[in-house]
Amino acid sequence: MDFYCPAHRLILEVGGVSHVYTAESDAVRADWFADRGYRVLYFGNHEVIREMDRVLQTILTQCA
């Protein structure tokens, strides 16, 4: 978990070289958190660097 917002029960994961998750393991983790009332958003490093406005909009939308 990279970032957590308790007020919105929102978890943000930013993946890069140090995050060796697969789509399958990401889904398992997201399901585990969802079962406990949390939402998980995954972003790649390239998205955060190249598409920051879209990433921030996605986060804001999830918090609304």
Protein backbone atom coordinates (compact mmCIF):
# COMPACT_ATOMS: atom_id res chain seq x y z
CA MET A 1 0.00 0.00 0.00
CA ASP A 2 1.49 3.31 -1.06
CA PHE A 3 -1.18 5.74 0.09
CA TYR A 4 -4.25 5.37 2.26
CA CYS A 5 -7.11 7.79 2.86
CA PRO A 6 -9.12 6.58 5.86
CA ALA A 7 -11.87 9.17 5.35
CA HIS A 8 -12.73 7.60 1.98
CA ARG A 9 -11.49 4.06 2.70
CA LEU A 10 -9.37 4.43 -0.42
CA ILE A 11 -6.02 2.76 -1.05
CA LEU A 12 -3.66 3.86 -3.81
CA GLU A 13 -0.98 1.62 -5.24
CA VAL A 14 1.64 3.08 -7.55
CA GLY A 15 3.57 0.41 -9.39
CA GLY A 16 7.03 0.50 -10.74
CA VAL A 17 10.14 -1.62 -10.74
CA SER A 18 9.93 -2.23 -6.99
CA HIS A 19 6.34 -3.48 -7.22
CA VAL A 20 6.40 -6.97 -8.62
CA TYR A 21 2.67 -7.60 -8.64
CA THR A 22 0.80 -9.41 -11.35
CA ALA A 23 -2.76 -8.79 -12.48
CA GLU A 24 -3.76 -11.92 -10.57
CA SER A 25 -2.11 -10.90 -7.30
CA ASP A 26 -3.48 -7.37 -7.68
CA ALA A 27 -6.99 -8.81 -8.06
CA VAL A 28 -6.56 -10.99 -4.97
CA ARG A 29 -5.36 -8.01 -2.93
CA ALA A 30 -8.17 -5.78 -4.23
CA ASP A 31 -10.75 -8.45 -3.36
CA TRP A 32 -9.30 -8.82 0.13
CA PHE A 33 -9.56 -5.08 0.71
CA ALA A 34 -13.01 -4.86 -0.92
CA ASP A 35 -14.29 -7.53 1.45
CA ARG A 36 -13.30 -5.16 4.26
CA GLY A 37 -14.92 -2.08 2.71
CA TYR A 38 -11.90 -0.53 1.00
CA ARG A 39 -11.36 0.46 -2.62
CA VAL A 40 -7.98 0.05 -4.29
CA LEU A 41 -6.76 2.11 -7.24
CA TYR A 42 -3.67 0.99 -9.12
CA PHE A 43 -1.53 3.34 -11.19
CA GLY A 44 1.73 2.72 -12.96
CA ASN A 45 4.65 5.09 -12.46
CA HIS A 46 4.34 6.12 -16.10
CA GLU A 47 0.71 7.15 -15.54
CA VAL A 48 1.60 9.31 -12.55
CA ILE A 49 4.45 10.97 -14.42
CA ARG A 50 2.81 11.41 -17.85
CA GLU A 51 -0.88 11.64 -17.01
CA MET A 52 -1.04 13.30 -13.60
CA ASP A 53 -4.23 15.24 -14.38
CA ARG A 54 -6.09 12.02 -15.29
CA VAL A 55 -4.73 10.22 -12.22
CA LEU A 56 -5.84 13.04 -9.93
CA GLN A 57 -9.25 13.20 -11.59
CA THR A 58 -9.69 9.45 -11.07
CA ILE A 59 -8.81 9.80 -7.40
CA LEU A 60 -11.17 12.76 -6.94
CA THR A 61 -13.98 10.87 -8.65
CA GLN A 62 -13.51 7.94 -6.27
CA CYS A 63 -13.66 10.28 -3.29
CA ALA A 64 -16.92 11.91 -4.35
